[in-house]
Each structure stands twice: as C-alpha cells, then as structure tokens.
Amino acid sequence: EKPIAIDPEDLEKVLGAYALDIDGDGMRDLVLMRVGENVILK
C-alpha cells in the first residue's frame, strides 16, 4: 500500500476509477468517479 498525499476527502465517496494520460506528459492520470465532485488526479 502507498498513501496518496492529497486531501483525504477527495479519496472518500469514490465509486470507481479509470487511468489515462490526459495531459500527454507520459504519466497516466486517474479519473475518480464520486458521489459529489468528480476528481482528476494528475
């Protein structure tokens, strides 16, 4: 397990996730589907 250093509230209420490189920097980002605000993790 590796902790993700973001606001803990953004990791709650998550229903699912998909990964893709949105900004083209060669590193895959995460799109989080949530009850409430959806979050993109770079």
PDB file of all heavy atoms in Angstrom:
ATOM      1  N   GLU A   1       0.831  -1.194   0.000  1.00  0.00           N
ATOM      2  CA  GLU A   1       0.000   0.000   0.000  1.00  0.00           C
ATOM      3  C   GLU A   1       0.870   1.250   0.000  1.00  0.00           C
ATOM      4  O   GLU A   1       1.862   1.339   0.727  1.00  0.00           O
ATOM      5  CB  GLU A   1      -0.941   0.025   1.201  1.00  0.00           C
ATOM      6  CG  GLU A   1      -1.891   1.214   1.168  1.00  0.00           C
ATOM      7  CD  GLU A   1      -2.906   1.224   2.290  1.00  0.00           C
ATOM      8  OE1 GLU A   1      -2.898   0.288   3.106  1.00  0.00           O
ATOM      9  OE2 GLU A   1      -3.711   2.179   2.342  1.00  0.00           O
ATOM     10  N   LYS A   2       0.472   2.230  -0.814  1.00  0.00           N
ATOM     11  CA  LYS A   2       1.192   3.508  -0.879  1.00  0.00           C
ATOM     12  C   LYS A   2       0.185   4.631  -0.671  1.00  0.00           C
ATOM     13  O   LYS A   2      -0.760   4.780  -1.457  1.00  0.00           O
ATOM     14  CB  LYS A   2       1.879   3.683  -2.229  1.00  0.00           C
ATOM     15  CG  LYS A   2       2.633   5.006  -2.352  1.00  0.00           C
ATOM     16  CD  LYS A   2       3.331   5.131  -3.682  1.00  0.00           C
ATOM     17  CE  LYS A   2       4.012   6.475  -3.852  1.00  0.00           C
ATOM     18  NZ  LYS A   2       5.018   6.743  -2.813  1.00  0.00           N
ATOM     19  N   PRO A   3       0.339   5.431   0.372  1.00  0.00           N
ATOM     20  CA  PRO A   3      -0.593   6.543   0.602  1.00  0.00           C
ATOM     21  C   PRO A   3      -0.538   7.555  -0.536  1.00  0.00           C
ATOM     22  O   PRO A   3       0.507   7.775  -1.146  1.00  0.00           O
ATOM     23  CB  PRO A   3      -0.089   7.160   1.917  1.00  0.00           C
ATOM     24  CG  PRO A   3       0.724   6.088   2.558  1.00  0.00           C
ATOM     25  CD  PRO A   3       1.344   5.309   1.427  1.00  0.00           C
ATOM     26  N   ILE A   4      -1.685   8.168  -0.827  1.00  0.00           N
ATOM     27  CA  ILE A   4      -1.762   9.227  -1.824  1.00  0.00           C
ATOM     28  C   ILE A   4      -1.869  10.547  -1.073  1.00  0.00           C
ATOM     29  O   ILE A   4      -2.819  10.765  -0.310  1.00  0.00           O
ATOM     30  CB  ILE A   4      -2.967   9.026  -2.763  1.00  0.00           C
ATOM     31  CG1 ILE A   4      -2.850   7.691  -3.500  1.00  0.00           C
ATOM     32  CG2 ILE A   4      -3.058  10.163  -3.771  1.00  0.00           C
ATOM     33  CD1 ILE A   4      -4.016   7.397  -4.413  1.00  0.00           C
ATOM     34  N   ALA A   5      -0.911  11.427  -1.277  1.00  0.00           N
ATOM     35  CA  ALA A   5      -0.817  12.658  -0.494  1.00  0.00           C
ATOM     36  C   ALA A   5      -1.683  13.765  -1.095  1.00  0.00           C
ATOM     37  O   ALA A   5      -1.191  14.740  -1.676  1.00  0.00           O
ATOM     38  CB  ALA A   5       0.642  13.104  -0.412  1.00  0.00           C
ATOM     39  N   ILE A   6      -3.013  13.591  -0.989  1.00  0.00           N
ATOM     40  CA  ILE A   6      -3.954  14.640  -1.378  1.00  0.00           C
ATOM     41  C   ILE A   6      -4.949  14.807  -0.238  1.00  0.00           C
ATOM     42  O   ILE A   6      -4.895  14.085   0.759  1.00  0.00           O
ATOM     43  CB  ILE A   6      -4.686  14.293  -2.700  1.00  0.00           C
ATOM     44  CG1 ILE A   6      -5.541  13.032  -2.517  1.00  0.00           C
ATOM     45  CG2 ILE A   6      -3.687  14.107  -3.840  1.00  0.00           C
ATOM     46  CD1 ILE A   6      -6.442  12.755  -3.703  1.00  0.00           C
ATOM     47  N   ASP A   7      -5.871  15.752  -0.376  1.00  0.00           N
ATOM     48  CA  ASP A   7      -6.898  15.960   0.634  1.00  0.00           C
ATOM     49  C   ASP A   7      -7.649  14.645   0.854  1.00  0.00           C
ATOM     50  O   ASP A   7      -8.211  14.086  -0.096  1.00  0.00           O
ATOM     51  CB  ASP A   7      -7.872  17.038   0.161  1.00  0.00           C
ATOM     52  CG  ASP A   7      -8.885  17.446   1.222  1.00  0.00           C
ATOM     53  OD1 ASP A   7      -9.162  16.621   2.131  1.00  0.00           O
ATOM     54  OD2 ASP A   7      -9.425  18.560   1.135  1.00  0.00           O
ATOM     55  N   PRO A   8      -7.667  14.113   2.066  1.00  0.00           N
ATOM     56  CA  PRO A   8      -8.335  12.824   2.318  1.00  0.00           C
ATOM     57  C   PRO A   8      -9.788  12.792   1.866  1.00  0.00           C
ATOM     58  O   PRO A   8     -10.293  11.730   1.483  1.00  0.00           O
ATOM     59  CB  PRO A   8      -8.210  12.654   3.835  1.00  0.00           C
ATOM     60  CG  PRO A   8      -7.019  13.458   4.213  1.00  0.00           C
ATOM     61  CD  PRO A   8      -7.019  14.637   3.280  1.00  0.00           C
ATOM     62  N   GLU A   9     -10.479  13.944   1.883  1.00  0.00           N
ATOM     63  CA  GLU A   9     -11.881  13.959   1.472  1.00  0.00           C
ATOM     64  C   GLU A   9     -12.044  13.603   0.002  1.00  0.00           C
ATOM     65  O   GLU A   9     -13.091  13.077  -0.398  1.00  0.00           O
ATOM     66  CB  GLU A   9     -12.491  15.325   1.761  1.00  0.00           C
ATOM     67  CG  GLU A   9     -12.655  15.631   3.251  1.00  0.00           C
ATOM     68  CD  GLU A   9     -13.423  16.909   3.485  1.00  0.00           C
ATOM     69  OE1 GLU A   9     -13.825  17.563   2.484  1.00  0.00           O
ATOM     70  OE2 GLU A   9     -13.633  17.263   4.657  1.00  0.00           O
ATOM     71  N   ASP A  10     -11.037  13.887  -0.822  1.00  0.00           N
ATOM     72  CA  ASP A  10     -11.124  13.559  -2.242  1.00  0.00           C
ATOM     73  C   ASP A  10     -11.005  12.063  -2.506  1.00  0.00           C
ATOM     74  O   ASP A  10     -11.333  11.595  -3.603  1.00  0.00           O
ATOM     75  CB  ASP A  10     -10.040  14.303  -3.026  1.00  0.00           C
ATOM     76  CG  ASP A  10     -10.314  15.794  -3.123  1.00  0.00           C
ATOM     77  OD1 ASP A  10     -11.493  16.176  -3.147  1.00  0.00           O
ATOM     78  OD2 ASP A  10      -9.343  16.576  -3.162  1.00  0.00           O
ATOM     79  N   LEU A  11     -10.526  11.307  -1.529  1.00  0.00           N
ATOM     80  CA  LEU A  11     -10.415   9.855  -1.673  1.00  0.00           C
ATOM     81  C   LEU A  11     -11.599   9.138  -1.047  1.00  0.00           C
ATOM     82  O   LEU A  11     -11.663   7.909  -1.093  1.00  0.00           O
ATOM     83  CB  LEU A  11      -9.114   9.370  -1.037  1.00  0.00           C
ATOM     84  CG  LEU A  11      -7.825   9.825  -1.729  1.00  0.00           C
ATOM     85  CD1 LEU A  11      -6.609   9.353  -0.951  1.00  0.00           C
ATOM     86  CD2 LEU A  11      -7.770   9.315  -3.164  1.00  0.00           C
ATOM     87  N   GLU A  12     -12.545   9.894  -0.491  1.00  0.00           N
ATOM     88  CA  GLU A  12     -13.771   9.311   0.035  1.00  0.00           C
ATOM     89  C   GLU A  12     -14.884   9.450  -0.999  1.00  0.00           C
ATOM     90  O   GLU A  12     -14.775  10.228  -1.950  1.00  0.00           O
ATOM     91  CB  GLU A  12     -14.166  10.003   1.348  1.00  0.00           C
ATOM     92  CG  GLU A  12     -13.125   9.846   2.453  1.00  0.00           C
ATOM     93  CD  GLU A  12     -13.440  10.696   3.671  1.00  0.00           C
ATOM     94  OE1 GLU A  12     -14.402  11.496   3.606  1.00  0.00           O
ATOM     95  OE2 GLU A  12     -12.710  10.579   4.668  1.00  0.00           O
ATOM     96  N   LYS A  13     -15.931   8.662  -0.839  1.00  0.00           N
ATOM     97  CA  LYS A  13     -17.091   8.696  -1.737  1.00  0.00           C
ATOM     98  C   LYS A  13     -16.722   8.344  -3.179  1.00  0.00           C
ATOM     99  O   LYS A  13     -17.354   8.797  -4.118  1.00  0.00           O
ATOM    100  CB  LYS A  13     -17.778  10.062  -1.680  1.00  0.00           C
ATOM    101  CG  LYS A  13     -18.256  10.468  -0.299  1.00  0.00           C
ATOM    102  CD  LYS A  13     -18.961  11.815  -0.337  1.00  0.00           C
ATOM    103  CE  LYS A  13     -19.469  12.210   1.049  1.00  0.00           C
ATOM    104  NZ  LYS A  13     -20.174  13.512   1.038  1.00  0.00           N
ATOM    105  N   VAL A  14     -15.684   7.533  -3.351  1.00  0.00           N
ATOM    106  CA  VAL A  14     -15.239   7.132  -4.688  1.00  0.00           C
ATOM    107  C   VAL A  14     -15.931   5.829  -5.082  1.00  0.00           C
ATOM    108  O   VAL A  14     -15.912   4.854  -4.330  1.00  0.00           O
ATOM    109  CB  VAL A  14     -13.711   6.952  -4.737  1.00  0.00           C
ATOM    110  CG1 VAL A  14     -13.276   6.483  -6.123  1.00  0.00           C
ATOM    111  CG2 VAL A  14     -13.018   8.267  -4.379  1.00  0.00           C
ATOM    112  N   LEU A  15     -16.545   5.801  -6.271  1.00  0.00           N
ATOM    113  CA  LEU A  15     -17.229   4.613  -6.770  1.00  0.00           C
ATOM    114  C   LEU A  15     -16.372   3.792  -7.721  1.00  0.00           C
ATOM    115  O   LEU A  15     -16.559   2.577  -7.836  1.00  0.00           O
ATOM    116  CB  LEU A  15     -18.537   5.002  -7.475  1.00  0.00           C
ATOM    117  CG  LEU A  15     -19.723   5.325  -6.558  1.00  0.00           C
ATOM    118  CD1 LEU A  15     -19.607   6.730  -5.998  1.00  0.00           C
ATOM    119  CD2 LEU A  15     -21.042   5.174  -7.304  1.00  0.00           C
ATOM    120  N   GLY A  16     -15.472   4.437  -8.432  1.00  0.00           N
ATOM    121  CA  GLY A  16     -14.648   3.717  -9.390  1.00  0.00           C
ATOM    122  C   GLY A  16     -13.613   4.637  -9.993  1.00  0.00           C
ATOM    123  O   GLY A  16     -13.559   5.834  -9.678  1.00  0.00           O
ATOM    124  N   ALA A  17     -12.770   4.097 -10.882  1.00  0.00           N
ATOM    125  CA  ALA A  17     -11.672   4.889 -11.442  1.00  0.00           C
ATOM    126  C   ALA A  17     -11.214   4.305 -12.773  1.00  0.00           C
ATOM    127  O   ALA A  17     -11.334   3.100 -13.021  1.00  0.00           O
ATOM    128  CB  ALA A  17     -10.498   4.931 -10.461  1.00  0.00           C
ATOM    129  N   TYR A  18     -10.680   5.192 -13.606  1.00  0.00           N
ATOM    130  CA  TYR A  18     -10.044   4.802 -14.869  1.00  0.00           C
ATOM    131  C   TYR A  18      -8.751   5.599 -15.011  1.00  0.00           C
ATOM    132  O   TYR A  18      -8.648   6.738 -14.539  1.00  0.00           O
ATOM    133  CB  TYR A  18     -10.958   5.080 -16.064  1.00  0.00           C
ATOM    134  CG  TYR A  18     -12.167   4.179 -16.112  1.00  0.00           C
ATOM    135  CD1 TYR A  18     -13.305   4.483 -15.378  1.00  0.00           C
ATOM    136  CD2 TYR A  18     -12.164   3.016 -16.868  1.00  0.00           C
ATOM    137  CE1 TYR A  18     -14.420   3.650 -15.401  1.00  0.00           C
ATOM    138  CE2 TYR A  18     -13.264   2.185 -16.909  1.00  0.00           C
ATOM    139  CZ  TYR A  18     -14.391   2.494 -16.168  1.00  0.00           C
ATOM    140  OH  TYR A  18     -15.490   1.667 -16.186  1.00  0.00           O
ATOM    141  N   ALA A  19      -7.778   4.995 -15.670  1.00  0.00           N
ATOM    142  CA  ALA A  19      -6.474   5.632 -15.850  1.00  0.00           C
ATOM    143  C   ALA A  19      -6.233   5.946 -17.318  1.00  0.00           C
ATOM    144  O   ALA A  19      -6.562   5.142 -18.201  1.00  0.00           O
ATOM    145  CB  ALA A  19      -5.362   4.716 -15.326  1.00  0.00           C
ATOM    146  N   LEU A  20      -5.663   7.116 -17.586  1.00  0.00           N
ATOM    147  CA  LEU A  20      -5.223   7.501 -18.924  1.00  0.00           C
ATOM    148  C   LEU A  20      -4.333   8.732 -18.786  1.00  0.00           C
ATOM    149  O   LEU A  20      -4.407   9.459 -17.789  1.00  0.00           O
ATOM    150  CB  LEU A  20      -6.400   7.786 -19.861  1.00  0.00           C
ATOM    151  CG  LEU A  20      -7.225   9.049 -19.640  1.00  0.00           C
ATOM    152  CD1 LEU A  20      -8.005   9.372 -20.915  1.00  0.00           C
ATOM    153  CD2 LEU A  20      -8.211   8.898 -18.492  1.00  0.00           C
ATOM    154  N   ASP A  21      -3.483   8.946 -19.781  1.00  0.00           N
ATOM    155  CA  ASP A  21      -2.580  10.090 -19.774  1.00  0.00           C
ATOM    156  C   ASP A  21      -3.298  11.257 -20.436  1.00  0.00           C
ATOM    157  O   ASP A  21      -3.295  11.391 -21.660  1.00  0.00           O
ATOM    158  CB  ASP A  21      -1.286   9.741 -20.505  1.00  0.00           C
ATOM    159  CG  ASP A  21      -0.286  10.880 -20.510  1.00  0.00           C
ATOM    160  OD1 ASP A  21      -0.555  11.920 -19.880  1.00  0.00           O
ATOM    161  OD2 ASP A  21       0.770  10.731 -21.162  1.00  0.00           O
ATOM    162  N   ILE A  22      -3.900  12.116 -19.624  1.00  0.00           N
ATOM    163  CA  ILE A  22      -4.722  13.207 -20.149  1.00  0.00           C
ATOM    164  C   ILE A  22      -3.863  14.313 -20.747  1.00  0.00           C
ATOM    165  O   ILE A  22      -4.135  14.813 -21.842  1.00  0.00           O
ATOM    166  CB  ILE A  22      -5.635  13.766 -19.049  1.00  0.00           C
ATOM    167  CG1 ILE A  22      -6.674  12.705 -18.641  1.00  0.00           C
ATOM    168  CG2 ILE A  22      -6.335  15.046 -19.510  1.00  0.00           C
ATOM    169  CD1 ILE A  22      -7.550  13.106 -17.472  1.00  0.00           C
ATOM    170  N   ASP A  23      -2.796  14.720 -20.039  1.00  0.00           N
ATOM    171  CA  ASP A  23      -2.035  15.901 -20.456  1.00  0.00           C
ATOM    172  C   ASP A  23      -0.830  15.582 -21.313  1.00  0.00           C
ATOM    173  O   ASP A  23      -0.069  16.477 -21.678  1.00  0.00           O
ATOM    174  CB  ASP A  23      -1.614  16.712 -19.234  1.00  0.00           C
ATOM    175  CG  ASP A  23      -0.808  15.901 -18.223  1.00  0.00           C
ATOM    176  OD1 ASP A  23      -0.627  14.683 -18.462  1.00  0.00           O
ATOM    177  OD2 ASP A  23      -0.380  16.468 -17.207  1.00  0.00           O
ATOM    178  N   GLY A  24      -0.620  14.299 -21.662  1.00  0.00           N
ATOM    179  CA  GLY A  24       0.427  13.939 -22.610  1.00  0.00           C
ATOM    180  C   GLY A  24       1.833  14.041 -22.069  1.00  0.00           C
ATOM    181  O   GLY A  24       2.790  14.151 -22.852  1.00  0.00           O
ATOM    182  N   ASP A  25       1.994  13.942 -20.733  1.00  0.00           N
ATOM    183  CA  ASP A  25       3.337  14.037 -20.162  1.00  0.00           C
ATOM    184  C   ASP A  25       3.995  12.678 -19.979  1.00  0.00           C
ATOM    185  O   ASP A  25       5.085  12.576 -19.411  1.00  0.00           O
ATOM    186  CB  ASP A  25       3.305  14.790 -18.830  1.00  0.00           C
ATOM    187  CG  ASP A  25       2.507  14.059 -17.750  1.00  0.00           C
ATOM    188  OD1 ASP A  25       1.899  13.006 -18.049  1.00  0.00           O
ATOM    189  OD2 ASP A  25       2.474  14.557 -16.604  1.00  0.00           O
ATOM    190  N   GLY A  26       3.342  11.613 -20.444  1.00  0.00           N
ATOM    191  CA  GLY A  26       3.908  10.272 -20.353  1.00  0.00           C
ATOM    192  C   GLY A  26       3.571   9.546 -19.071  1.00  0.00           C
ATOM    193  O   GLY A  26       3.963   8.384 -18.906  1.00  0.00           O
ATOM    194  N   MET A  27       2.848  10.188 -18.164  1.00  0.00           N
ATOM    195  CA  MET A  27       2.444   9.553 -16.909  1.00  0.00           C
ATOM    196  C   MET A  27       0.920   9.487 -16.851  1.00  0.00           C
ATOM    197  O   MET A  27       0.238  10.478 -17.120  1.00  0.00           O
ATOM    198  CB  MET A  27       3.001  10.328 -15.707  1.00  0.00           C
ATOM    199  CG  MET A  27       4.514  10.201 -15.586  1.00  0.00           C
ATOM    200  SD  MET A  27       5.231  11.150 -14.227  1.00  0.00           S
ATOM    201  CE  MET A  27       5.226  12.789 -14.956  1.00  0.00           C
ATOM    202  N   ARG A  28       0.420   8.320 -16.495  1.00  0.00           N
ATOM    203  CA  ARG A  28      -1.023   8.131 -16.501  1.00  0.00           C
ATOM    204  C   ARG A  28      -1.668   8.826 -15.307  1.00  0.00           C
ATOM    205  O   ARG A  28      -1.208   8.733 -14.170  1.00  0.00           O
ATOM    206  CB  ARG A  28      -1.358   6.641 -16.500  1.00  0.00           C
ATOM    207  CG  ARG A  28      -0.977   5.943 -17.811  1.00  0.00           C
ATOM    208  CD  ARG A  28      -1.317   4.474 -17.775  1.00  0.00           C
ATOM    209  NE  ARG A  28      -1.068   3.810 -19.046  1.00  0.00           N
ATOM    210  CZ  ARG A  28       0.073   3.221 -19.383  1.00  0.00           C
ATOM    211  NH1 ARG A  28       1.074   3.239 -18.527  1.00  0.00           N
ATOM    212  NH2 ARG A  28       0.203   2.625 -20.541  1.00  0.00           N
ATOM    213  N   ASP A  29      -2.761   9.502 -15.610  1.00  0.00           N
ATOM    214  CA  ASP A  29      -3.554  10.184 -14.603  1.00  0.00           C
ATOM    215  C   ASP A  29      -4.709   9.280 -14.191  1.00  0.00           C
ATOM    216  O   ASP A  29      -4.985   8.262 -14.841  1.00  0.00           O
ATOM    217  CB  ASP A  29      -4.073  11.507 -15.167  1.00  0.00           C
ATOM    218  CG  ASP A  29      -2.962  12.319 -15.838  1.00  0.00           C
ATOM    219  OD1 ASP A  29      -1.961  12.598 -15.155  1.00  0.00           O
ATOM    220  OD2 ASP A  29      -3.091  12.646 -17.036  1.00  0.00           O
ATOM    221  N   LEU A  30      -5.399   9.656 -13.133  1.00  0.00           N
ATOM    222  CA  LEU A  30      -6.533   8.875 -12.634  1.00  0.00           C
ATOM    223  C   LEU A  30      -7.783   9.747 -12.621  1.00  0.00           C
ATOM    224  O   LEU A  30      -7.759  10.875 -12.103  1.00  0.00           O
ATOM    225  CB  LEU A  30      -6.256   8.360 -11.222  1.00  0.00           C
ATOM    226  CG  LEU A  30      -5.419   7.084 -11.103  1.00  0.00           C
ATOM    227  CD1 LEU A  30      -4.962   6.889  -9.659  1.00  0.00           C
ATOM    228  CD2 LEU A  30      -6.220   5.872 -11.563  1.00  0.00           C
ATOM    229  N   VAL A  31      -8.867   9.225 -13.173  1.00  0.00           N
ATOM    230  CA  VAL A  31     -10.167   9.885 -13.116  1.00  0.00           C
ATOM    231  C   VAL A  31     -11.009   9.145 -12.084  1.00  0.00           C
ATOM    232  O   VAL A  31     -11.263   7.944 -12.229  1.00  0.00           O
ATOM    233  CB  VAL A  31     -10.859   9.881 -14.487  1.00  0.00           C
ATOM    234  CG1 VAL A  31     -12.247  10.514 -14.386  1.00  0.00           C
ATOM    235  CG2 VAL A  31     -10.012  10.615 -15.517  1.00  0.00           C
ATOM    236  N   LEU A  32     -11.432   9.860 -11.035  1.00  0.00           N
ATOM    237  CA  LEU A  32     -12.208   9.259  -9.956  1.00  0.00           C
ATOM    238  C   LEU A  32     -13.673   9.646 -10.097  1.00  0.00           C
ATOM    239  O   LEU A  32     -14.007  10.832 -10.153  1.00  0.00           O
ATOM    240  CB  LEU A  32     -11.688   9.720  -8.585  1.00  0.00           C
ATOM    241  CG  LEU A  32     -10.188   9.631  -8.322  1.00  0.00           C
ATOM    242  CD1 LEU A  32      -9.899   9.957  -6.853  1.00  0.00           C
ATOM    243  CD2 LEU A  32      -9.640   8.268  -8.689  1.00  0.00           C
ATOM    244  N   MET A  33     -14.542   8.647 -10.140  1.00  0.00           N
ATOM    245  CA  MET A  33     -15.990   8.854 -10.154  1.00  0.00           C
ATOM    246  C   MET A  33     -16.485   8.839  -8.716  1.00  0.00           C
ATOM    247  O   MET A  33     -16.228   7.887  -7.978  1.00  0.00           O
ATOM    248  CB  MET A  33     -16.671   7.768 -10.970  1.00  0.00           C
ATOM    249  CG  MET A  33     -16.154   7.657 -12.395  1.00  0.00           C
ATOM    250  SD  MET A  33     -16.820   6.233 -13.254  1.00  0.00           S
ATOM    251  CE  MET A  33     -16.165   4.913 -12.267  1.00  0.00           C
ATOM    252  N   ARG A  34     -17.235   9.869  -8.337  1.00  0.00           N
ATOM    253  CA  ARG A  34     -17.576  10.016  -6.939  1.00  0.00           C
ATOM    254  C   ARG A  34     -19.047  10.370  -6.758  1.00  0.00           C
ATOM    255  O   ARG A  34     -19.722  10.798  -7.708  1.00  0.00           O
ATOM    256  CB  ARG A  34     -16.718  11.111  -6.279  1.00  0.00           C
ATOM    257  CG  ARG A  34     -15.223  10.840  -6.356  1.00  0.00           C
ATOM    258  CD  ARG A  34     -14.387  11.972  -5.773  1.00  0.00           C
ATOM    259  NE  ARG A  34     -14.538  12.079  -4.317  1.00  0.00           N
ATOM    260  CZ  ARG A  34     -15.089  13.095  -3.694  1.00  0.00           C
ATOM    261  NH1 ARG A  34     -15.573  14.123  -4.389  1.00  0.00           N
ATOM    262  NH2 ARG A  34     -15.172  13.109  -2.375  1.00  0.00           N
ATOM    263  N   VAL A  35     -19.531  10.215  -5.548  1.00  0.00           N
ATOM    264  CA  VAL A  35     -20.800  10.784  -5.140  1.00  0.00           C
ATOM    265  C   VAL A  35     -20.487  12.222  -4.741  1.00  0.00           C
ATOM    266  O   VAL A  35     -19.969  12.493  -3.659  1.00  0.00           O
ATOM    267  CB  VAL A  35     -21.419  10.020  -3.954  1.00  0.00           C
ATOM    268  CG1 VAL A  35     -22.732  10.671  -3.541  1.00  0.00           C
ATOM    269  CG2 VAL A  35     -21.649   8.566  -4.326  1.00  0.00           C
ATOM    270  N   GLY A  36     -20.757  13.150  -5.633  1.00  0.00           N
ATOM    271  CA  GLY A  36     -20.328  14.521  -5.444  1.00  0.00           C
ATOM    272  C   GLY A  36     -19.336  14.907  -6.514  1.00  0.00           C
ATOM    273  O   GLY A  36     -19.438  14.468  -7.665  1.00  0.00           O
ATOM    274  N   GLU A  37     -18.345  15.709  -6.166  1.00  0.00           N
ATOM    275  CA  GLU A  37     -17.387  16.212  -7.151  1.00  0.00           C
ATOM    276  C   GLU A  37     -16.480  15.095  -7.679  1.00  0.00           C
ATOM    277  O   GLU A  37     -15.799  14.422  -6.910  1.00  0.00           O
ATOM    278  CB  GLU A  37     -16.515  17.306  -6.524  1.00  0.00           C
ATOM    279  CG  GLU A  37     -15.519  17.911  -7.507  1.00  0.00           C
ATOM    280  CD  GLU A  37     -14.498  18.816  -6.837  1.00  0.00           C
ATOM    281  OE1 GLU A  37     -14.187  18.594  -5.645  1.00  0.00           O
ATOM    282  OE2 GLU A  37     -14.006  19.741  -7.509  1.00  0.00           O
ATOM    283  N   ASN A  38     -16.485  14.915  -8.996  1.00  0.00           N
ATOM    284  CA  ASN A  38     -15.511  14.015  -9.610  1.00  0.00           C
ATOM    285  C   ASN A  38     -14.138  14.658  -9.585  1.00  0.00           C
ATOM    286  O   ASN A  38     -14.004  15.885  -9.635  1.00  0.00           O
ATOM    287  CB  ASN A  38     -15.923  13.681 -11.045  1.00  0.00           C
ATOM    288  CG  ASN A  38     -17.231  12.930 -11.102  1.00  0.00           C
ATOM    289  OD1 ASN A  38     -17.466  12.025 -10.315  1.00  0.00           O
ATOM    290  ND2 ASN A  38     -18.099  13.317 -12.028  1.00  0.00           N
ATOM    291  N   VAL A  39     -13.101  13.830  -9.514  1.00  0.00           N
ATOM    292  CA  VAL A  39     -11.747  14.326  -9.316  1.00  0.00           C
ATOM    293  C   VAL A  39     -10.817  13.734 -10.372  1.00  0.00           C
ATOM    294  O   VAL A  39     -10.882  12.535 -10.673  1.00  0.00           O
ATOM    295  CB  VAL A  39     -11.235  13.974  -7.902  1.00  0.00           C
ATOM    296  CG1 VAL A  39      -9.747  14.272  -7.766  1.00  0.00           C
ATOM    297  CG2 VAL A  39     -12.023  14.746  -6.840  1.00  0.00           C
ATOM    298  N   ILE A  40      -9.958  14.579 -10.936  1.00  0.00           N
ATOM    299  CA  ILE A  40      -8.875  14.119 -11.790  1.00  0.00           C
ATOM    300  C   ILE A  40      -7.576  14.242 -11.002  1.00  0.00           C
ATOM    301  O   ILE A  40      -7.242  15.320 -10.494  1.00  0.00           O
ATOM    302  CB  ILE A  40      -8.781  14.935 -13.085  1.00  0.00           C
ATOM    303  CG1 ILE A  40     -10.051  14.749 -13.924  1.00  0.00           C
ATOM    304  CG2 ILE A  40      -7.560  14.501 -13.905  1.00  0.00           C
ATOM    305  CD1 ILE A  40     -10.069  15.581 -15.197  1.00  0.00           C
ATOM    306  N   LEU A  41      -6.861  13.141 -10.872  1.00  0.00           N
ATOM    307  CA  LEU A  41      -5.560  13.126 -10.215  1.00  0.00           C
ATOM    308  C   LEU A  41      -4.466  13.072 -11.273  1.00  0.00           C
ATOM    309  O   LEU A  41      -4.413  12.131 -12.073  1.00  0.00           O
ATOM    310  CB  LEU A  41      -5.433  11.925  -9.278  1.00  0.00           C
ATOM    311  CG  LEU A  41      -6.403  11.865  -8.091  1.00  0.00           C
ATOM    312  CD1 LEU A  41      -6.120  10.625  -7.243  1.00  0.00           C
ATOM    313  CD2 LEU A  41      -6.312  13.123  -7.237  1.00  0.00           C
ATOM    314  N   LYS A  42      -3.625  14.076 -11.277  1.00  0.00           N
ATOM    315  CA  LYS A  42      -2.521  14.128 -12.233  1.00  0.00           C
ATOM    316  C   LYS A  42      -1.382  13.249 -11.735  1.00  0.00           C
ATOM    317  O   LYS A  42      -0.931  13.373 -10.591  1.00  0.00           O
ATOM    318  CB  LYS A  42      -2.044  15.564 -12.396  1.00  0.00           C
ATOM    319  CG  LYS A  42      -0.819  15.736 -13.292  1.00  0.00           C
ATOM    320  CD  LYS A  42      -0.462  17.205 -13.434  1.00  0.00           C
ATOM    321  CE  LYS A  42       0.914  17.388 -14.066  1.00  0.00           C
ATOM    322  NZ  LYS A  42       0.984  16.768 -15.407  1.00  0.00           N
TER     323      LYS A  42
END
